[in-house]
C-alpha cells in the first residue's frame, strides 16, 4: 500500500462529520474514559457497532449511557478486557460473538506517575505489559476476525511522549533503569514499533488487514469538554487552561487521528497520523515517519522479544 494519503482527501475530511459506517464492527480498548471514550463516541455517530473494551463493566456502562444521551440510537456493547491478564484475552475475543471485526483501536493504557516499579501477574513491568504486550497478544486472537472483514484496520494509539525516547532491547522491562515517565514513553514507543512492524508483515503475507499508527498530540483533561459523569471540567479549569489551547488540545480532538485512521479509505497501512500543528494540536494529517521508528532492526527485535515474553504466535501473519 502507498505510504501517503492524497492532499485532496486531507482537505476534505471533516472531523465533526465523519462518513457513515453502518454495518461495521469496531473494538476500542479503553473505550470507557479519556481519549478512548471520545473515539467511541465519535465512531458511534457514524452508525457503526462500537464495542468498548474495559477492565470495569460498571465504568463501561456509564460511558455507554453518556454516549447514548448524545447520540440516540447509538449501537454499543462492552466486553470486560484486562490487558494485564494475558491468559484471559482469548476468552474476551470469543465473547465478542461476531463473525468479523472491521477495526480495532489499541487505545487502552496506563501511566504510573510515581515509583515504585510494578509488575503484572505474569511478571511483566506494568506499563510495558499492559500498553504493549497486552495489545500484542490481543492482536493474535483478533486476527481471524479482522481477516474475515473486507479491509480491516488495526489502529495503534501511540504518544508524542515516545518521540524523545529510544527502546533498550536489553531492558524492555525496565529492570535496570526504571523511571515512570521514561518507562511510559518507552511502552508507547513499543506500541508504535509494533504497529509498523505488524503492517510490514501483513503486506508480506498479502493480507487484506492494514495497520496504522496514530498519536493524539498534546491532549489535556482541562481542554476536554465535559461528559458527566465520565469527565467533568469546571469553569475554573477551562479558564486556567485557555492559554494552553494555543499549543495543545482536549482529548476529544486527540481522538480525531484514530477515528480518521479507522474510517478514511485514503489512509494506508504503515502510516503515522497525528495533529497537523507541530504534531500537538489540530486536524489529523499523515506525518513524516519519526527517524527512530524507521529502524526495522529494533522493530524486529521487539517483535521477537514480545513473542518470547508472551508465547504469542504472530509468525503466521
Protein backbone atom coordinates (compact mmCIF):
# COMPACT_ATOMS: atom_id res chain seq x y z
CA UNK A 1 0.00 0.00 0.00
CA UNK A 2 1.10 3.57 -0.59
CA UNK A 3 2.51 5.34 2.46
CA UNK A 4 0.96 8.70 1.67
CA UNK A 5 -2.61 9.98 1.55
CA UNK A 6 -3.80 12.28 -1.20
CA UNK A 7 -3.81 16.02 -0.39
CA UNK A 8 -7.39 16.33 -1.63
CA UNK A 9 -8.54 13.67 0.86
CA UNK A 10 -6.69 15.52 3.63
CA UNK A 11 -8.52 18.78 2.85
CA UNK A 12 -11.94 17.17 2.51
CA UNK A 13 -12.01 15.28 5.80
CA UNK A 14 -14.48 16.74 8.32
CA UNK A 15 -13.54 15.76 11.88
CA UNK A 16 -17.02 16.67 13.12
CA UNK A 17 -18.87 14.75 10.45
CA UNK A 18 -17.02 11.55 9.54
CA UNK A 19 -18.57 9.26 6.92
CA UNK A 20 -21.27 6.75 7.75
CA UNK A 21 -20.10 3.31 8.80
CA UNK A 22 -23.33 1.35 9.14
CA UNK A 23 -22.68 -2.36 9.44
CA UNK A 24 -19.09 -2.04 10.65
CA UNK A 25 -17.99 -3.53 13.96
CA UNK A 26 -15.19 -1.70 15.80
CA UNK A 27 -13.49 -2.56 19.11
CA UNK A 28 -11.98 0.29 21.14
CA UNK A 29 -9.78 -0.81 24.02
CA UNK A 30 -10.04 1.53 27.00
CA UNK A 31 -13.20 2.97 25.48
CA UNK A 32 -14.75 3.97 28.79
CA UNK A 33 -12.59 7.03 29.57
CA UNK A 34 -10.17 9.61 28.23
CA UNK A 35 -9.33 9.62 24.54
CA UNK A 36 -10.84 6.15 24.17
CA UNK A 37 -14.22 7.47 25.28
CA UNK A 38 -14.19 10.15 22.60
CA UNK A 39 -13.04 7.67 19.94
CA UNK A 40 -16.04 5.51 20.87
CA UNK A 41 -18.41 8.50 20.91
CA UNK A 42 -17.28 9.78 17.52
CA UNK A 43 -17.38 6.35 15.89
CA UNK A 44 -20.84 5.74 17.35
CA UNK A 45 -22.13 8.78 15.50
CA UNK A 46 -21.31 7.04 12.19
CA UNK A 47 -23.73 4.17 12.78
CA UNK A 48 -21.03 1.60 13.46
CA UNK A 49 -21.40 -1.01 16.18
CA UNK A 50 -18.79 0.07 18.73
CA UNK A 51 -17.56 -2.35 21.37
CA UNK A 52 -15.95 -0.78 24.44
CA UNK A 53 -13.20 -2.89 25.97
CA UNK A 54 -12.84 -2.02 29.64
CA UNK A 55 -11.49 -3.52 32.85
CA UNK A 56 -14.61 -2.24 34.61
CA UNK A 57 -18.06 -3.26 33.29
CA UNK A 58 -19.61 -0.58 35.52
CA UNK A 59 -17.48 2.19 34.01
CA UNK A 60 -18.20 0.89 30.53
CA UNK A 61 -21.92 1.09 31.28
CA UNK A 62 -21.56 4.70 32.46
CA UNK A 63 -19.67 5.56 29.27
CA UNK A 64 -22.31 3.93 27.07
CA UNK A 65 -25.07 5.79 28.87
CA UNK A 66 -23.24 9.06 28.25
CA UNK A 67 -22.77 8.30 24.55
CA UNK A 68 -26.42 7.31 24.10
CA UNK A 69 -27.50 10.57 25.72
CA UNK A 70 -25.65 12.47 22.99
CA UNK A 71 -26.23 10.02 20.15
CA UNK A 72 -29.70 8.49 20.32
CA UNK A 73 -29.74 5.07 18.73
CA UNK A 74 -26.01 4.56 19.17
CA UNK A 75 -25.10 0.89 18.73
CA UNK A 76 -22.88 -0.03 21.65
CA UNK A 77 -21.66 -3.08 23.51
CA UNK A 78 -18.96 -3.70 26.05
CA UNK A 79 -16.61 -6.54 26.94
CA UNK A 80 -14.55 -6.91 30.06
CA UNK A 81 -10.95 -6.52 28.93
CA UNK A 82 -7.96 -6.80 31.25
CA UNK A 83 -4.80 -6.42 29.19
CA UNK A 84 -2.69 -7.29 32.24
CA UNK A 85 -4.15 -10.81 32.22
CA UNK A 86 -2.82 -12.29 29.00
CA UNK A 87 -4.43 -15.66 29.64
CA UNK A 88 -7.91 -14.09 29.55
CA UNK A 89 -7.69 -12.48 26.11
CA UNK A 90 -8.73 -15.49 24.06
CA UNK A 91 -11.97 -15.73 26.01
CA UNK A 92 -12.52 -11.99 25.58
CA UNK A 93 -12.38 -12.36 21.81
CA UNK A 94 -14.80 -15.30 21.94
CA UNK A 95 -17.21 -13.15 23.96
CA UNK A 96 -17.42 -10.65 21.09
CA UNK A 97 -19.64 -13.17 19.27
CA UNK A 98 -19.16 -11.56 15.88
CA UNK A 99 -18.27 -13.07 12.53
CA UNK A 100 -15.85 -10.31 11.63
CA UNK A 101 -14.20 -7.21 13.05
CA UNK A 102 -13.71 -4.19 10.80
CA UNK A 103 -11.29 -2.40 13.10
CA UNK A 104 -9.66 -2.44 16.49
CA UNK A 105 -8.27 0.69 18.12
CA UNK A 106 -5.48 -0.24 20.51
CA UNK A 107 -6.01 2.70 22.84
CA UNK A 108 -6.06 1.38 26.41
CA UNK A 109 -3.06 2.18 28.52
CA UNK A 110 -1.78 3.04 31.95
CA UNK A 111 0.72 5.58 33.18
CA UNK A 112 2.28 5.40 36.61
CA UNK A 113 3.06 8.83 37.99
CA UNK A 114 5.22 7.70 40.88
CA UNK A 115 7.53 4.80 41.82
CA UNK A 116 7.85 2.02 42.75
CA UNK A 117 8.04 -0.25 39.75
CA UNK A 118 5.11 -2.66 39.48
CA UNK A 119 4.56 -5.92 37.66
CA UNK A 120 1.56 -7.70 36.19
CA UNK A 121 0.59 -11.14 37.41
CA UNK A 122 2.73 -12.61 34.62
CA UNK A 123 5.80 -10.74 35.92
CA UNK A 124 5.94 -8.04 33.25
CA UNK A 125 6.62 -4.40 34.07
CA UNK A 126 3.16 -2.87 34.47
CA UNK A 127 3.15 -0.21 31.74
CA UNK A 128 5.07 -2.24 29.17
CA UNK A 129 2.96 -5.30 29.99
CA UNK A 130 -0.40 -3.59 29.56
CA UNK A 131 0.30 -0.93 26.95
CA UNK A 132 2.32 -3.13 24.61
CA UNK A 133 2.29 -6.83 25.47
CA UNK A 134 -1.44 -6.93 26.19
CA UNK A 135 -2.25 -5.45 22.78
CA UNK A 136 0.33 -7.68 21.12
CA UNK A 137 -1.41 -10.81 22.41
CA UNK A 138 -4.89 -9.39 21.79
CA UNK A 139 -3.97 -8.89 18.13
CA UNK A 140 -3.11 -12.57 17.81
CA UNK A 141 -6.57 -13.55 18.99
CA UNK A 142 -8.34 -10.91 16.89
CA UNK A 143 -6.59 -11.70 13.62
CA UNK A 144 -9.10 -14.30 12.36
CA UNK A 145 -11.96 -11.81 12.88
CA UNK A 146 -10.00 -8.99 11.25
CA UNK A 147 -9.07 -11.19 8.30
CA UNK A 148 -12.75 -12.04 7.79
CA UNK A 149 -13.56 -8.37 7.08
CA UNK A 150 -13.07 -6.94 3.57
CA UNK A 151 -10.41 -4.38 4.59
CA UNK A 152 -9.96 -4.29 8.35
CA UNK A 153 -7.65 -1.97 10.23
CA UNK A 154 -5.55 -2.23 13.35
CA UNK A 155 -5.10 1.30 14.69
CA UNK A 156 -2.49 1.71 17.40
CA UNK A 157 -2.57 4.79 19.60
CA UNK A 158 0.97 5.92 20.28
CA UNK A 159 2.08 9.03 22.14
CA UNK A 160 4.04 12.19 21.49
CA UNK A 161 5.94 11.18 24.64
CA UNK A 162 7.53 8.41 22.59
CA UNK A 163 9.19 10.83 20.20
CA UNK A 164 12.07 11.60 22.55
CA UNK A 165 12.51 8.03 23.80
CA UNK A 166 14.53 5.09 22.48
CA UNK A 167 13.96 1.41 23.18
CA UNK A 168 16.59 -0.63 25.03
CA UNK A 169 16.02 -4.16 23.77
CA UNK A 170 18.16 -5.46 26.64
CA UNK A 171 15.96 -3.76 29.25
CA UNK A 172 12.43 -3.79 27.87
CA UNK A 173 11.07 -4.49 31.35
CA UNK A 174 12.90 -1.52 32.91
CA UNK A 175 14.60 -3.70 35.49
CA UNK A 176 17.86 -1.76 35.36
CA UNK A 177 16.52 1.70 34.57
CA UNK A 178 13.01 2.38 35.84
CA UNK A 179 11.78 5.95 35.70
CA UNK A 180 7.97 6.22 35.40
CA UNK A 181 7.73 8.86 32.69
CA UNK A 182 10.53 7.31 30.69
CA UNK A 183 9.12 3.82 31.06
CA UNK A 184 5.70 5.06 29.97
CA UNK A 185 7.17 6.76 26.90
CA UNK A 186 9.06 3.60 26.00
CA UNK A 187 5.96 1.45 26.41
CA UNK A 188 4.12 3.69 23.94
CA UNK A 189 7.12 3.64 21.62
CA UNK A 190 6.98 -0.16 21.73
CA UNK A 191 3.34 0.00 20.67
CA UNK A 192 4.25 2.21 17.72
CA UNK A 193 7.08 -0.08 16.60
CA UNK A 194 4.64 -2.97 16.84
CA UNK A 195 2.00 -1.25 14.71
CA UNK A 196 4.52 -0.54 11.96
CA UNK A 197 6.13 -3.97 12.05
CA UNK A 198 2.68 -5.56 12.01
CA UNK A 199 1.86 -3.76 8.77
CA UNK A 200 5.11 -4.87 7.14
CA UNK A 201 4.30 -8.47 7.99
CA UNK A 202 0.70 -8.11 6.83
CA UNK A 203 1.89 -6.72 3.49
CA UNK A 204 4.40 -9.56 3.10
CA UNK A 205 1.56 -12.03 3.68
CA UNK A 206 -0.66 -10.23 1.15
CA UNK A 207 -3.24 -9.67 3.89
CA UNK A 208 -6.33 -7.50 3.49
CA UNK A 209 -5.73 -6.14 7.02
CA UNK A 210 -3.81 -2.86 7.38
CA UNK A 211 -2.05 -1.50 10.47
CA UNK A 212 -1.86 2.25 11.10
CA UNK A 213 -0.14 4.15 13.91
CA UNK A 214 -1.58 7.37 15.30
CA UNK A 215 -0.94 9.72 18.19
CA UNK A 216 -3.15 12.37 19.84
CA UNK A 217 -0.62 15.17 20.18
CA UNK A 218 -0.95 17.10 23.43
CA UNK A 219 -4.33 16.16 24.89
CA UNK A 220 -5.29 17.66 28.26
CA UNK A 221 -8.27 16.99 30.53
CA UNK A 222 -8.57 20.71 31.20
CA UNK A 223 -9.23 21.38 27.50
CA UNK A 224 -11.68 18.50 27.15
CA UNK A 225 -15.42 19.21 27.07
CA UNK A 226 -17.44 17.77 29.92
CA UNK A 227 -19.15 14.41 29.60
CA UNK A 228 -20.53 13.91 33.11
CA UNK A 229 -20.09 11.63 34.89
CA UNK A 230 -17.31 10.28 32.62
CA UNK A 231 -15.48 13.61 32.68
CA UNK A 232 -16.36 16.95 34.24
CA UNK A 233 -14.48 20.19 33.57
CA UNK A 234 -15.09 23.16 35.82
CA UNK A 235 -15.24 26.74 34.62
CA UNK A 236 -12.09 27.49 36.58
CA UNK A 237 -10.20 24.67 34.89
CA UNK A 238 -11.37 25.83 31.49
CA UNK A 239 -10.26 29.42 32.06
CA UNK A 240 -6.94 28.40 33.57
CA UNK A 241 -6.16 26.13 30.61
CA UNK A 242 -7.20 28.63 27.92
CA UNK A 243 -3.62 29.80 27.11
CA UNK A 244 -2.52 26.19 26.63
CA UNK A 245 -5.05 25.83 23.81
CA UNK A 246 -2.63 27.73 21.58
CA UNK A 247 -0.28 24.72 21.71
CA UNK A 248 -2.29 21.65 22.70
CA UNK A 249 -5.88 20.41 22.69
CA UNK A 250 -8.51 18.39 24.51
CA UNK A 251 -8.98 14.64 24.43
CA UNK A 252 -11.96 14.96 22.12
CA UNK A 253 -9.59 16.37 19.50
CA UNK A 254 -6.92 13.84 20.43
CA UNK A 255 -9.36 11.18 19.22
CA UNK A 256 -9.55 12.58 15.68
CA UNK A 257 -6.45 10.84 14.32
CA UNK A 258 -7.68 7.42 15.42
CA UNK A 259 -11.18 7.98 14.06
CA UNK A 260 -9.81 9.02 10.69
CA UNK A 261 -7.42 6.05 10.63
CA UNK A 262 -10.40 3.74 11.13
CA UNK A 263 -12.72 5.31 8.56
CA UNK A 264 -10.88 7.20 5.83
CA UNK A 265 -10.29 4.99 2.75
CA UNK A 266 -7.33 7.22 1.83
CA UNK A 267 -5.40 6.15 4.95
CA UNK A 268 -2.83 3.47 4.19
CA UNK A 269 -1.15 0.80 6.26
CA UNK A 270 2.26 1.71 7.63
CA UNK A 271 1.43 5.39 8.00
CA UNK A 272 1.81 7.62 11.06
CA UNK A 273 -1.01 10.12 11.68
CA UNK A 274 -1.16 12.96 14.18
CA UNK A 275 -2.37 16.55 14.66
CA UNK A 276 -1.30 18.96 11.93
CA UNK A 277 0.05 21.82 14.09
CA UNK A 278 3.55 20.79 15.19
CA UNK A 279 2.15 17.34 15.92
CA UNK A 280 0.48 18.77 19.02
CA UNK A 281 -2.95 20.08 18.03
CA UNK A 282 -5.34 20.39 15.13
CA UNK A 283 -6.92 18.21 12.50
CA UNK A 284 -5.27 14.88 11.67
CA UNK A 285 -2.75 14.53 8.88
CA UNK A 286 -0.15 11.99 7.78
CA UNK A 287 3.19 12.75 9.44
CA UNK A 288 6.70 12.12 8.24
CA UNK A 289 7.87 8.99 9.98
CA UNK A 290 9.93 9.69 13.09
CA UNK A 291 13.51 8.74 12.33
CA UNK A 292 13.89 6.19 15.12
CA UNK A 293 10.66 4.44 14.11
CA UNK A 294 12.28 3.65 10.77
CA UNK A 295 14.80 1.33 12.46
CA UNK A 296 13.50 -2.05 11.32
CA UNK A 297 16.08 -3.97 13.33
CA UNK A 298 14.66 -2.56 16.56
CA UNK A 299 11.11 -3.33 15.43
CA UNK A 300 12.05 -6.92 14.55
CA UNK A 301 13.94 -7.37 17.81
CA UNK A 302 10.96 -6.10 19.79
CA UNK A 303 8.64 -8.44 17.86
CA UNK A 304 10.78 -11.48 18.65
CA UNK A 305 11.14 -10.46 22.31
CA UNK A 306 7.38 -9.95 22.60
CA UNK A 307 6.74 -13.43 21.22
CA UNK A 308 9.22 -14.88 23.73
CA UNK A 309 7.73 -12.97 26.68
CA UNK A 310 4.11 -13.83 25.93
CA UNK A 311 4.17 -17.09 23.98
CA UNK A 312 2.07 -15.39 21.29
CA UNK A 313 2.42 -16.73 17.78
CA UNK A 314 2.06 -13.92 15.29
CA UNK A 315 4.57 -15.55 12.97
CA UNK A 316 1.68 -16.94 10.94
CA UNK A 317 0.97 -13.47 9.53
